[in-house]
Amino acid sequence: MRGIELTPEHPVPDLVELGVRAETEGFDTLFASSHYNNRDPFTVLSQIAAETDDIRLGPGVVNPYETHPVTLASQVATIDEASDGRGVFGLGAGDRSTLRNLGIEREKPLRRVLETMKVSKRLWGGERVTHDGTFVAEDAGLNYDGGEIPVYVGAQGPHMLRMSAKHADGALVNAAHPRDFAWADERISEGLAERPDHRGEFDFAAYASVSVAEDGDEAREAARPPVAFIAGGSAKPVLERHDIDHKRAEKIGEKIGAGEFTSAFEAVTPEMIDAFCIAGTPETVGDRIDAVLDYADSFVAGSPLGPGNPISLVAGALDRTCLGR
């Protein structure tokens, strides 16, 4: 996969234009991120589907708490139909703090994701499903064909990584540093050892924050907002893996929670940018992506992408890697 993430923080016509440009630049998969404070990803994806021909399209990622899993399965199947079979399902447990803002407790996340994936595939296969687990469905079914849609699980923790390797079509591993991918590769290998042959090949996809510009300092400066969110929400073992002060990261998280975004972004250190974003010139970014691809099978470039209009620069950086050769 040579993928890209669009964050629906811009007007829908602008996002459609970016989606068309992504296909023109050689990206084969486009994920639209899902946050309740941004535009609806399924609306964005449906409009991009109407203006493109080949690029695969899907949410990256949606969680099965804000929306009932059966409804999610139908929404993804609709995108697959609208795009003539180009749908892909990016599924994850969701951000705990964001869900709490909505009064939702993220209970049994691994189980919820696994059950959503299995029920979705049964629905797409034309079955009527009765399910009683982390969610309930009674004689649920779709009134149209769902097709065969690949499911990619957004995974960071060891258990979700192992589960995705055993059950899913792929994993979207949200990290940016080779050190994190080396660790994730071990967890995925553990899951693959238990993967039944009938599930076919598995795609270990790096889903990394990327910021690229001809001026490397500008690219790193543009990386501050996403890095603040990543650092503020990272588990202590992840911070320790990169020798990052967990108390400083915790304070960044507190500032974000309080809506003090400028202060949070200013508190981001160079070490945090190095750990949580691939940032710099096209040459630097290409080298960093190649290092990640020593472990991952494919690559998705995530926000912020960079200052200005960076899609062509991201594509150029990828052209310098094994994915572009």
C-alpha atoms as a PDB file:
ATOM      1  CA  MET A   1       0.000   0.000   0.000  1.00  0.00           C
ATOM      2  CA  ARG A   2       1.107   3.526  -0.800  1.00  0.00           C
ATOM      3  CA  GLY A   3      -1.468   5.453   1.189  1.00  0.00           C
ATOM      4  CA  ILE A   4      -2.318   8.893   2.434  1.00  0.00           C
ATOM      5  CA  GLU A   5      -4.566  10.254   5.178  1.00  0.00           C
ATOM      6  CA  LEU A   6      -6.755  13.315   4.775  1.00  0.00           C
ATOM      7  CA  THR A   7      -8.078  15.034   7.883  1.00  0.00           C
ATOM      8  CA  PRO A   8     -11.533  16.537   7.160  1.00  0.00           C
ATOM      9  CA  GLU A   9     -10.725  19.873   8.747  1.00  0.00           C
ATOM     10  CA  HIS A  10     -11.067  21.669   5.411  1.00  0.00           C
ATOM     11  CA  PRO A  11     -14.182  22.346   3.280  1.00  0.00           C
ATOM     12  CA  VAL A  12     -15.431  19.268   1.455  1.00  0.00           C
ATOM     13  CA  PRO A  13     -14.712  20.634  -2.076  1.00  0.00           C
ATOM     14  CA  ASP A  14     -11.079  21.218  -1.038  1.00  0.00           C
ATOM     15  CA  LEU A  15     -10.822  17.665   0.304  1.00  0.00           C
ATOM     16  CA  VAL A  16     -12.222  16.269  -2.940  1.00  0.00           C
ATOM     17  CA  GLU A  17      -9.591  18.213  -4.868  1.00  0.00           C
ATOM     18  CA  LEU A  18      -6.889  16.786  -2.581  1.00  0.00           C
ATOM     19  CA  GLY A  19      -8.266  13.278  -3.091  1.00  0.00           C
ATOM     20  CA  VAL A  20      -8.109  13.646  -6.869  1.00  0.00           C
ATOM     21  CA  ARG A  21      -4.567  14.991  -6.595  1.00  0.00           C
ATOM     22  CA  ALA A  22      -3.557  12.061  -4.374  1.00  0.00           C
ATOM     23  CA  GLU A  23      -4.701   9.605  -7.034  1.00  0.00           C
ATOM     24  CA  THR A  24      -2.859  11.589  -9.728  1.00  0.00           C
ATOM     25  CA  GLU A  25       0.331  11.498  -7.617  1.00  0.00           C
ATOM     26  CA  GLY A  26       0.244   7.721  -7.433  1.00  0.00           C
ATOM     27  CA  PHE A  27      -1.299   6.993  -4.042  1.00  0.00           C
ATOM     28  CA  ASP A  28      -3.345   3.789  -4.166  1.00  0.00           C
ATOM     29  CA  THR A  29      -5.270   4.162  -0.883  1.00  0.00           C
ATOM     30  CA  LEU A  30      -6.844   7.167   0.845  1.00  0.00           C
ATOM     31  CA  PHE A  31      -8.070   7.191   4.430  1.00  0.00           C
ATOM     32  CA  ALA A  32     -10.251   9.978   5.837  1.00  0.00           C
ATOM     33  CA  SER A  33      -9.759  10.361   9.574  1.00  0.00           C
ATOM     34  CA  SER A  34     -12.759  10.411  11.887  1.00  0.00           C
ATOM     35  CA  HIS A  35     -13.115  13.008  14.655  1.00  0.00           C
ATOM     36  CA  TYR A  36     -16.486  14.356  15.717  1.00  0.00           C
ATOM     37  CA  ASN A  37     -15.202  17.953  15.583  1.00  0.00           C
ATOM     38  CA  ASN A  38     -14.264  17.595  11.889  1.00  0.00           C
ATOM     39  CA  ARG A  39     -16.421  16.891   8.839  1.00  0.00           C
ATOM     40  CA  ASP A  40     -18.010  13.482   8.410  1.00  0.00           C
ATOM     41  CA  PRO A  41     -15.498  11.128   6.745  1.00  0.00           C
ATOM     42  CA  PHE A  42     -18.125   9.076   4.897  1.00  0.00           C
ATOM     43  CA  THR A  43     -19.545  12.167   3.215  1.00  0.00           C
ATOM     44  CA  VAL A  44     -16.042  13.179   2.155  1.00  0.00           C
ATOM     45  CA  LEU A  45     -15.217   9.691   0.892  1.00  0.00           C
ATOM     46  CA  SER A  46     -18.406   9.394  -1.138  1.00  0.00           C
ATOM     47  CA  GLN A  47     -17.645  12.645  -2.953  1.00  0.00           C
ATOM     48  CA  ILE A  48     -14.038  11.641  -3.589  1.00  0.00           C
ATOM     49  CA  ALA A  49     -15.327   8.317  -4.957  1.00  0.00           C
ATOM     50  CA  ALA A  50     -17.375  10.170  -7.562  1.00  0.00           C
ATOM     51  CA  GLU A  51     -14.311  12.052  -8.825  1.00  0.00           C
ATOM     52  CA  THR A  52     -11.711   9.249  -8.828  1.00  0.00           C
ATOM     53  CA  ASP A  53     -11.265   5.935 -10.632  1.00  0.00           C
ATOM     54  CA  ASP A  54      -8.732   3.680  -8.936  1.00  0.00           C
ATOM     55  CA  ILE A  55      -7.737   4.823  -5.453  1.00  0.00           C
ATOM     56  CA  ARG A  56      -9.100   2.735  -2.559  1.00  0.00           C
ATOM     57  CA  LEU A  57     -11.165   4.689  -0.039  1.00  0.00           C
ATOM     58  CA  GLY A  58     -12.083   4.221   3.593  1.00  0.00           C
ATOM     59  CA  PRO A  59     -12.284   5.719   7.068  1.00  0.00           C
ATOM     60  CA  GLY A  60      -9.009   5.774   8.924  1.00  0.00           C
ATOM     61  CA  VAL A  61      -9.997   4.991  11.507  1.00  0.00           C
ATOM     62  CA  VAL A  62     -13.532   4.825  12.907  1.00  0.00           C
ATOM     63  CA  ASN A  63     -14.407   3.344  16.269  1.00  0.00           C
ATOM     64  CA  PRO A  64     -17.342   1.040  17.118  1.00  0.00           C
ATOM     65  CA  TYR A  65     -18.462   3.069  20.135  1.00  0.00           C
ATOM     66  CA  GLU A  66     -19.707   6.357  18.687  1.00  0.00           C
ATOM     67  CA  THR A  67     -21.593   4.402  15.983  1.00  0.00           C
ATOM     68  CA  HIS A  68     -23.154   0.955  16.336  1.00  0.00           C
ATOM     69  CA  PRO A  69     -20.965  -1.674  14.623  1.00  0.00           C
ATOM     70  CA  VAL A  70     -23.759  -2.841  12.323  1.00  0.00           C
ATOM     71  CA  THR A  71     -24.285   0.736  11.145  1.00  0.00           C
ATOM     72  CA  LEU A  72     -20.531   1.087  10.565  1.00  0.00           C
ATOM     73  CA  ALA A  73     -20.564  -2.061   8.446  1.00  0.00           C
ATOM     74  CA  SER A  74     -23.337  -0.581   6.304  1.00  0.00           C
ATOM     75  CA  GLN A  75     -21.570   2.783   5.967  1.00  0.00           C
ATOM     76  CA  VAL A  76     -18.373   1.103   4.770  1.00  0.00           C
ATOM     77  CA  ALA A  77     -20.313  -1.141   2.398  1.00  0.00           C
ATOM     78  CA  THR A  78     -21.985   1.959   0.946  1.00  0.00           C
ATOM     79  CA  ILE A  79     -18.584   3.528   0.245  1.00  0.00           C
ATOM     80  CA  ASP A  80     -17.506   0.263  -1.382  1.00  0.00           C
ATOM     81  CA  GLU A  81     -20.583   0.332  -3.633  1.00  0.00           C
ATOM     82  CA  ALA A  82     -20.210   4.039  -4.453  1.00  0.00           C
ATOM     83  CA  SER A  83     -16.582   3.496  -5.470  1.00  0.00           C
ATOM     84  CA  ASP A  84     -17.221   0.314  -7.515  1.00  0.00           C
ATOM     85  CA  GLY A  85     -15.449  -1.988  -5.077  1.00  0.00           C
ATOM     86  CA  ARG A  86     -12.690   0.295  -3.808  1.00  0.00           C
ATOM     87  CA  GLY A  87     -13.767   0.314  -0.163  1.00  0.00           C
ATOM     88  CA  VAL A  88     -11.447  -0.408   2.768  1.00  0.00           C
ATOM     89  CA  PHE A  89     -12.416  -0.447   6.455  1.00  0.00           C
ATOM     90  CA  GLY A  90     -10.020   1.305   8.856  1.00  0.00           C
ATOM     91  CA  LEU A  91     -11.229   0.222  12.304  1.00  0.00           C
ATOM     92  CA  GLY A  92      -9.862   1.067  15.746  1.00  0.00           C
ATOM     93  CA  ALA A  93     -10.810   1.390  19.385  1.00  0.00           C
ATOM     94  CA  GLY A  94     -10.875   5.203  19.359  1.00  0.00           C
ATOM     95  CA  ASP A  95      -9.232   7.726  21.638  1.00  0.00           C
ATOM     96  CA  ARG A  96     -10.253   7.188  25.251  1.00  0.00           C
ATOM     97  CA  SER A  97     -10.234  10.883  26.202  1.00  0.00           C
ATOM     98  CA  THR A  98     -12.277  11.892  23.127  1.00  0.00           C
ATOM     99  CA  LEU A  99     -14.864   9.221  23.855  1.00  0.00           C
ATOM    100  CA  ARG A 100     -15.120  10.440  27.434  1.00  0.00           C
ATOM    101  CA  ASN A 101     -15.947  13.900  26.081  1.00  0.00           C
ATOM    102  CA  LEU A 102     -19.012  12.236  24.567  1.00  0.00           C
ATOM    103  CA  GLY A 103     -19.900  10.368  27.741  1.00  0.00           C
ATOM    104  CA  ILE A 104     -18.754   7.031  26.298  1.00  0.00           C
ATOM    105  CA  GLU A 105     -16.611   4.547  28.192  1.00  0.00           C
ATOM    106  CA  ARG A 106     -14.247   2.551  26.003  1.00  0.00           C
ATOM    107  CA  GLU A 107     -14.885  -0.874  27.538  1.00  0.00           C
ATOM    108  CA  LYS A 108     -13.141  -4.047  26.298  1.00  0.00           C
ATOM    109  CA  PRO A 109     -11.608  -2.325  23.248  1.00  0.00           C
ATOM    110  CA  LEU A 110      -9.866  -5.355  21.753  1.00  0.00           C
ATOM    111  CA  ARG A 111     -13.002  -7.471  22.006  1.00  0.00           C
ATOM    112  CA  ARG A 112     -15.178  -4.698  20.586  1.00  0.00           C
ATOM    113  CA  VAL A 113     -12.928  -4.241  17.553  1.00  0.00           C
ATOM    114  CA  LEU A 114     -12.636  -7.976  16.912  1.00  0.00           C
ATOM    115  CA  GLU A 115     -16.402  -8.529  17.175  1.00  0.00           C
ATOM    116  CA  THR A 116     -17.081  -5.546  14.889  1.00  0.00           C
ATOM    117  CA  MET A 117     -14.730  -6.928  12.263  1.00  0.00           C
ATOM    118  CA  LYS A 118     -16.226 -10.424  12.370  1.00  0.00           C
ATOM    119  CA  VAL A 119     -19.842  -9.235  12.337  1.00  0.00           C
ATOM    120  CA  SER A 120     -19.090  -6.818   9.478  1.00  0.00           C
ATOM    121  CA  LYS A 121     -17.662  -9.579   7.301  1.00  0.00           C
ATOM    122  CA  ARG A 122     -20.700 -11.763   7.955  1.00  0.00           C
ATOM    123  CA  LEU A 123     -23.052  -8.910   7.043  1.00  0.00           C
ATOM    124  CA  TRP A 124     -21.117  -8.159   3.858  1.00  0.00           C
ATOM    125  CA  GLY A 125     -21.378 -11.842   2.994  1.00  0.00           C
ATOM    126  CA  GLY A 126     -25.172 -11.618   3.028  1.00  0.00           C
ATOM    127  CA  GLU A 127     -25.810 -13.260   6.398  1.00  0.00           C
ATOM    128  CA  ARG A 128     -28.388 -12.210   8.930  1.00  0.00           C
ATOM    129  CA  VAL A 129     -26.583 -11.871  12.228  1.00  0.00           C
ATOM    130  CA  THR A 130     -27.610 -12.271  15.837  1.00  0.00           C
ATOM    131  CA  HIS A 131     -24.822 -11.274  18.194  1.00  0.00           C
ATOM    132  CA  ASP A 132     -24.612 -10.801  21.964  1.00  0.00           C
ATOM    133  CA  GLY A 133     -21.176  -9.665  23.122  1.00  0.00           C
ATOM    134  CA  THR A 134     -19.722  -6.213  23.663  1.00  0.00           C
ATOM    135  CA  PHE A 135     -22.674  -5.060  21.550  1.00  0.00           C
ATOM    136  CA  VAL A 136     -26.030  -6.583  20.644  1.00  0.00           C
ATOM    137  CA  ALA A 137     -27.498  -7.228  17.190  1.00  0.00           C
ATOM    138  CA  GLU A 138     -30.733  -9.161  16.721  1.00  0.00           C
ATOM    139  CA  ASP A 139     -31.355 -10.664  13.279  1.00  0.00           C
ATOM    140  CA  ALA A 140     -29.420  -7.805  11.646  1.00  0.00           C
ATOM    141  CA  GLY A 141     -28.736  -7.774   7.930  1.00  0.00           C
ATOM    142  CA  LEU A 142     -28.036  -5.552   4.934  1.00  0.00           C
ATOM    143  CA  ASN A 143     -30.580  -5.200   2.146  1.00  0.00           C
ATOM    144  CA  TYR A 144     -27.841  -5.040  -0.479  1.00  0.00           C
ATOM    145  CA  ASP A 145     -24.598  -6.863  -1.354  1.00  0.00           C
ATOM    146  CA  GLY A 146     -21.584  -5.863   0.709  1.00  0.00           C
ATOM    147  CA  GLY A 147     -18.731  -7.389  -1.250  1.00  0.00           C
ATOM    148  CA  GLU A 148     -15.303  -8.410   0.041  1.00  0.00           C
ATOM    149  CA  ILE A 149     -13.883  -5.413   1.883  1.00  0.00           C
ATOM    150  CA  PRO A 150     -10.433  -5.506   3.532  1.00  0.00           C
ATOM    151  CA  VAL A 151     -10.336  -4.590   7.219  1.00  0.00           C
ATOM    152  CA  TYR A 152      -7.313  -2.769   8.625  1.00  0.00           C
ATOM    153  CA  VAL A 153      -7.084  -2.478  12.408  1.00  0.00           C
ATOM    154  CA  GLY A 154      -5.574   0.654  13.911  1.00  0.00           C
ATOM    155  CA  ALA A 155      -3.168  -0.803  16.467  1.00  0.00           C
ATOM    156  CA  GLN A 156      -0.485   0.374  18.890  1.00  0.00           C
ATOM    157  CA  GLY A 157      -0.620  -1.842  21.963  1.00  0.00           C
ATOM    158  CA  PRO A 158       0.750  -5.404  22.057  1.00  0.00           C
ATOM    159  CA  HIS A 159      -2.588  -7.185  22.322  1.00  0.00           C
ATOM    160  CA  MET A 160      -4.248  -5.231  19.482  1.00  0.00           C
ATOM    161  CA  LEU A 161      -1.198  -5.786  17.265  1.00  0.00           C
ATOM    162  CA  ARG A 162      -1.267  -9.530  17.873  1.00  0.00           C
ATOM    163  CA  MET A 163      -5.034  -9.698  17.336  1.00  0.00           C
ATOM    164  CA  SER A 164      -4.858  -7.786  14.061  1.00  0.00           C
ATOM    165  CA  ALA A 165      -2.146 -10.094  12.718  1.00  0.00           C
ATOM    166  CA  LYS A 166      -4.218 -13.148  13.588  1.00  0.00           C
ATOM    167  CA  HIS A 167      -7.635 -11.969  12.362  1.00  0.00           C
ATOM    168  CA  ALA A 168      -7.523  -8.840  10.136  1.00  0.00           C
ATOM    169  CA  ASP A 169      -6.394  -8.138   6.585  1.00  0.00           C
ATOM    170  CA  GLY A 170      -3.891  -5.596   7.805  1.00  0.00           C
ATOM    171  CA  ALA A 171      -2.815  -3.316  10.624  1.00  0.00           C
ATOM    172  CA  LEU A 172      -2.432   0.457  10.589  1.00  0.00           C
ATOM    173  CA  VAL A 173       0.383   0.929  13.090  1.00  0.00           C
ATOM    174  CA  ASN A 174       0.301   4.513  14.331  1.00  0.00           C
ATOM    175  CA  ALA A 175       3.979   5.305  14.893  1.00  0.00           C
ATOM    176  CA  ALA A 176       6.796   7.150  13.140  1.00  0.00           C
ATOM    177  CA  HIS A 177      10.124   5.875  14.496  1.00  0.00           C
ATOM    178  CA  PRO A 178      11.915   2.683  13.409  1.00  0.00           C
ATOM    179  CA  ARG A 179      12.379   1.768  17.070  1.00  0.00           C
ATOM    180  CA  ASP A 180       8.590   1.554  17.505  1.00  0.00           C
ATOM    181  CA  PHE A 181       8.174  -0.472  14.331  1.00  0.00           C
ATOM    182  CA  ALA A 182      10.877  -2.927  15.396  1.00  0.00           C
ATOM    183  CA  TRP A 183       8.897  -3.514  18.593  1.00  0.00           C
ATOM    184  CA  ALA A 184       5.588  -3.750  16.697  1.00  0.00           C
ATOM    185  CA  ASP A 185       7.117  -6.217  14.239  1.00  0.00           C
ATOM    186  CA  GLU A 186       7.782  -8.640  17.089  1.00  0.00           C
ATOM    187  CA  ARG A 187       4.188  -8.415  18.317  1.00  0.00           C
ATOM    188  CA  ILE A 188       2.812  -8.863  14.795  1.00  0.00           C
ATOM    189  CA  SER A 189       5.056 -11.880  14.239  1.00  0.00           C
ATOM    190  CA  GLU A 190       3.550 -13.436  17.365  1.00  0.00           C
ATOM    191  CA  GLY A 191       0.061 -12.957  15.939  1.00  0.00           C
ATOM    192  CA  LEU A 192       1.016 -14.243  12.500  1.00  0.00           C
ATOM    193  CA  ALA A 193       2.237 -17.474  14.078  1.00  0.00           C
ATOM    194  CA  GLU A 194      -1.406 -18.165  15.000  1.00  0.00           C
ATOM    195  CA  ARG A 195      -2.963 -16.888  11.763  1.00  0.00           C
ATOM    196  CA  PRO A 196      -4.995 -19.509   9.851  1.00  0.00           C
ATOM    197  CA  ASP A 197      -3.851 -20.023   6.267  1.00  0.00           C
ATOM    198  CA  HIS A 198      -7.315 -19.317   4.856  1.00  0.00           C
ATOM    199  CA  ARG A 199      -7.088 -15.663   5.950  1.00  0.00           C
ATOM    200  CA  GLY A 200      -4.474 -15.001   3.294  1.00  0.00           C
ATOM    201  CA  GLU A 201      -1.704 -12.422   3.309  1.00  0.00           C
ATOM    202  CA  PHE A 202      -1.409  -9.752   5.986  1.00  0.00           C
ATOM    203  CA  ASP A 203      -0.380  -6.132   5.360  1.00  0.00           C
ATOM    204  CA  PHE A 204       1.691  -4.500   8.120  1.00  0.00           C
ATOM    205  CA  ALA A 205       1.138  -0.835   7.237  1.00  0.00           C
ATOM    206  CA  ALA A 206       2.998   2.025   8.872  1.00  0.00           C
ATOM    207  CA  TYR A 207       0.519   4.827   9.571  1.00  0.00           C
ATOM    208  CA  ALA A 208       2.889   7.670  10.341  1.00  0.00           C
ATOM    209  CA  SER A 209       2.598  11.373  10.919  1.00  0.00           C
ATOM    210  CA  VAL A 210       4.553  13.047   8.098  1.00  0.00           C
ATOM    211  CA  SER A 211       5.541  16.676   7.634  1.00  0.00           C
ATOM    212  CA  VAL A 212       7.583  17.532   4.558  1.00  0.00           C
ATOM    213  CA  ALA A 213       8.756  20.819   3.039  1.00  0.00           C
ATOM    214  CA  GLU A 214      11.706  22.052   1.026  1.00  0.00           C
ATOM    215  CA  ASP A 215      12.675  23.926   4.202  1.00  0.00           C
ATOM    216  CA  GLY A 216      13.214  21.246   6.854  1.00  0.00           C
ATOM    217  CA  ASP A 217      12.743  23.692   9.747  1.00  0.00           C
ATOM    218  CA  GLU A 218       9.319  24.691   8.406  1.00  0.00           C
ATOM    219  CA  ALA A 219       8.353  21.041   8.167  1.00  0.00           C
ATOM    220  CA  ARG A 220       9.371  20.388  11.766  1.00  0.00           C
ATOM    221  CA  GLU A 221       7.523  23.465  12.994  1.00  0.00           C
ATOM    222  CA  ALA A 222       4.342  22.311  11.229  1.00  0.00           C
ATOM    223  CA  ALA A 223       4.660  18.992  13.054  1.00  0.00           C
ATOM    224  CA  ARG A 224       4.135  20.514  16.501  1.00  0.00           C
ATOM    225  CA  PRO A 225       0.311  20.169  16.699  1.00  0.00           C
ATOM    226  CA  PRO A 226       0.022  16.456  15.852  1.00  0.00           C
ATOM    227  CA  VAL A 227       3.120  15.642  17.892  1.00  0.00           C
ATOM    228  CA  ALA A 228       1.591  17.389  20.908  1.00  0.00           C
ATOM    229  CA  PHE A 229      -1.502  15.206  20.652  1.00  0.00           C
ATOM    230  CA  ILE A 230       0.585  12.051  20.179  1.00  0.00           C
ATOM    231  CA  ALA A 231       2.999  12.807  23.016  1.00  0.00           C
ATOM    232  CA  GLY A 232       0.216  13.865  25.358  1.00  0.00           C
ATOM    233  CA  GLY A 233      -1.605  10.593  24.813  1.00  0.00           C
ATOM    234  CA  SER A 234       1.342   8.184  24.701  1.00  0.00           C
ATOM    235  CA  ALA A 235       1.749   5.424  27.239  1.00  0.00           C
ATOM    236  CA  LYS A 236       4.708   5.612  29.598  1.00  0.00           C
ATOM    237  CA  PRO A 237       6.548   2.641  27.996  1.00  0.00           C
ATOM    238  CA  VAL A 238       6.427   4.411  24.616  1.00  0.00           C
ATOM    239  CA  LEU A 239       7.842   7.611  26.118  1.00  0.00           C
ATOM    240  CA  GLU A 240      10.562   5.641  27.882  1.00  0.00           C
ATOM    241  CA  ARG A 241      11.491   3.935  24.604  1.00  0.00           C
ATOM    242  CA  HIS A 242      12.470   7.388  23.306  1.00  0.00           C
ATOM    243  CA  ASP A 243      13.856   8.851  26.565  1.00  0.00           C
ATOM    244  CA  ILE A 244      11.088  11.449  26.694  1.00  0.00           C
ATOM    245  CA  ASP A 245      10.180  13.059  30.023  1.00  0.00           C
ATOM    246  CA  HIS A 246       6.792  11.539  30.815  1.00  0.00           C
ATOM    247  CA  LYS A 247       5.930  14.391  33.190  1.00  0.00           C
ATOM    248  CA  ARG A 248       6.413  16.935  30.403  1.00  0.00           C
ATOM    249  CA  ALA A 249       4.310  14.786  28.065  1.00  0.00           C
ATOM    250  CA  GLU A 250       1.642  14.515  30.753  1.00  0.00           C
ATOM    251  CA  LYS A 251       1.534  18.300  31.109  1.00  0.00           C
ATOM    252  CA  ILE A 252       1.113  18.634  27.336  1.00  0.00           C
ATOM    253  CA  GLY A 253      -1.832  16.255  27.561  1.00  0.00           C
ATOM    254  CA  GLU A 254      -3.327  18.315  30.391  1.00  0.00           C
ATOM    255  CA  LYS A 255      -2.999  21.516  28.361  1.00  0.00           C
ATOM    256  CA  ILE A 256      -4.724  19.881  25.393  1.00  0.00           C
ATOM    257  CA  GLY A 257      -7.501  18.644  27.647  1.00  0.00           C
ATOM    258  CA  ALA A 258      -7.954  22.193  28.958  1.00  0.00           C
ATOM    259  CA  GLY A 259      -8.058  23.655  25.447  1.00  0.00           C
ATOM    260  CA  GLU A 260      -4.705  25.444  25.889  1.00  0.00           C
ATOM    261  CA  PHE A 261      -3.467  24.367  22.484  1.00  0.00           C
ATOM    262  CA  THR A 262      -0.862  27.077  21.880  1.00  0.00           C
ATOM    263  CA  SER A 263       0.857  26.294  25.174  1.00  0.00           C
ATOM    264  CA  ALA A 264       0.726  22.587  24.423  1.00  0.00           C
ATOM    265  CA  PHE A 265       2.286  23.027  20.986  1.00  0.00           C
ATOM    266  CA  GLU A 266       5.031  25.282  22.364  1.00  0.00           C
ATOM    267  CA  ALA A 267       5.946  22.622  24.942  1.00  0.00           C
ATOM    268  CA  VAL A 268       6.788  20.063  22.244  1.00  0.00           C
ATOM    269  CA  THR A 269      10.525  19.282  22.231  1.00  0.00           C
ATOM    270  CA  PRO A 270      12.760  18.367  19.264  1.00  0.00           C
ATOM    271  CA  GLU A 271      13.052  14.874  20.740  1.00  0.00           C
ATOM    272  CA  MET A 272       9.272  14.494  20.605  1.00  0.00           C
ATOM    273  CA  ILE A 273       9.212  15.537  16.941  1.00  0.00           C
ATOM    274  CA  ASP A 274      11.935  12.994  16.151  1.00  0.00           C
ATOM    275  CA  ALA A 275      10.022  10.248  17.968  1.00  0.00           C
ATOM    276  CA  PHE A 276       6.490  10.906  16.773  1.00  0.00           C
ATOM    277  CA  CYS A 277       6.723  12.431  13.291  1.00  0.00           C
ATOM    278  CA  ILE A 278       8.727  11.921  10.112  1.00  0.00           C
ATOM    279  CA  ALA A 279       9.580  15.556   9.454  1.00  0.00           C
ATOM    280  CA  GLY A 280      12.014  17.404   7.216  1.00  0.00           C
ATOM    281  CA  THR A 281      13.003  17.828   3.605  1.00  0.00           C
ATOM    282  CA  PRO A 282      11.894  15.298   0.951  1.00  0.00           C
ATOM    283  CA  GLU A 283      15.339  13.695   1.167  1.00  0.00           C
ATOM    284  CA  THR A 284      15.211  13.371   4.955  1.00  0.00           C
ATOM    285  CA  VAL A 285      11.641  12.101   4.935  1.00  0.00           C
ATOM    286  CA  GLY A 286      12.409   9.563   2.203  1.00  0.00           C
ATOM    287  CA  ASP A 287      15.322   8.167   4.229  1.00  0.00           C
ATOM    288  CA  ARG A 288      13.178   7.923   7.371  1.00  0.00           C
ATOM    289  CA  ILE A 289      10.374   6.159   5.504  1.00  0.00           C
ATOM    290  CA  ASP A 290      12.862   3.664   4.078  1.00  0.00           C
ATOM    291  CA  ALA A 291      14.066   2.916   7.617  1.00  0.00           C
ATOM    292  CA  VAL A 292      10.480   2.254   8.698  1.00  0.00           C
ATOM    293  CA  LEU A 293       9.971  -0.030   5.693  1.00  0.00           C
ATOM    294  CA  ASP A 294      12.699  -2.301   7.023  1.00  0.00           C
ATOM    295  CA  TYR A 295       9.864  -3.555   9.228  1.00  0.00           C
ATOM    296  CA  ALA A 296       6.545  -2.517   7.650  1.00  0.00           C
ATOM    297  CA  ASP A 297       5.135  -3.851   4.382  1.00  0.00           C
ATOM    298  CA  SER A 298       3.514  -0.597   3.277  1.00  0.00           C
ATOM    299  CA  PHE A 299       3.160   3.047   4.258  1.00  0.00           C
ATOM    300  CA  VAL A 300       0.387   5.567   4.894  1.00  0.00           C
ATOM    301  CA  ALA A 301       1.400   9.234   5.198  1.00  0.00           C
ATOM    302  CA  GLY A 302      -0.691  10.887   7.899  1.00  0.00           C
ATOM    303  CA  SER A 303      -1.300  14.445   9.023  1.00  0.00           C
ATOM    304  CA  PRO A 304      -0.048  17.128   9.059  1.00  0.00           C
ATOM    305  CA  LEU A 305       1.684  16.215   5.723  1.00  0.00           C
ATOM    306  CA  GLY A 306       3.379  19.604   5.823  1.00  0.00           C
ATOM    307  CA  PRO A 307       2.907  23.343   5.348  1.00  0.00           C
ATOM    308  CA  GLY A 308       1.197  24.670   2.250  1.00  0.00           C
ATOM    309  CA  ASN A 309       0.127  22.030  -0.272  1.00  0.00           C
ATOM    310  CA  PRO A 310       2.363  19.048   0.420  1.00  0.00           C
ATOM    311  CA  ILE A 311       0.847  16.079  -1.430  1.00  0.00           C
ATOM    312  CA  SER A 312       3.323  16.245  -4.317  1.00  0.00           C
ATOM    313  CA  LEU A 313       6.229  16.582  -1.855  1.00  0.00           C
ATOM    314  CA  VAL A 314       5.034  13.552   0.110  1.00  0.00           C
ATOM    315  CA  ALA A 315       4.734  11.604  -3.146  1.00  0.00           C
ATOM    316  CA  GLY A 316       8.249  12.729  -4.067  1.00  0.00           C
ATOM    317  CA  ALA A 317       9.596  11.549  -0.722  1.00  0.00           C
ATOM    318  CA  LEU A 318       7.930   8.163  -1.221  1.00  0.00           C
ATOM    319  CA  ASP A 319       9.437   7.951  -4.708  1.00  0.00           C
ATOM    320  CA  ARG A 320      12.853   7.912  -2.994  1.00  0.00           C
ATOM    321  CA  THR A 321      11.938   4.764  -1.045  1.00  0.00           C
ATOM    322  CA  CYS A 322      11.581   1.111  -1.966  1.00  0.00           C
ATOM    323  CA  LEU A 323       7.871   1.797  -2.630  1.00  0.00           C
ATOM    324  CA  GLY A 324       8.795   4.123  -5.482  1.00  0.00           C
ATOM    325  CA  ARG A 325      11.566   2.117  -7.070  1.00  0.00           C
END
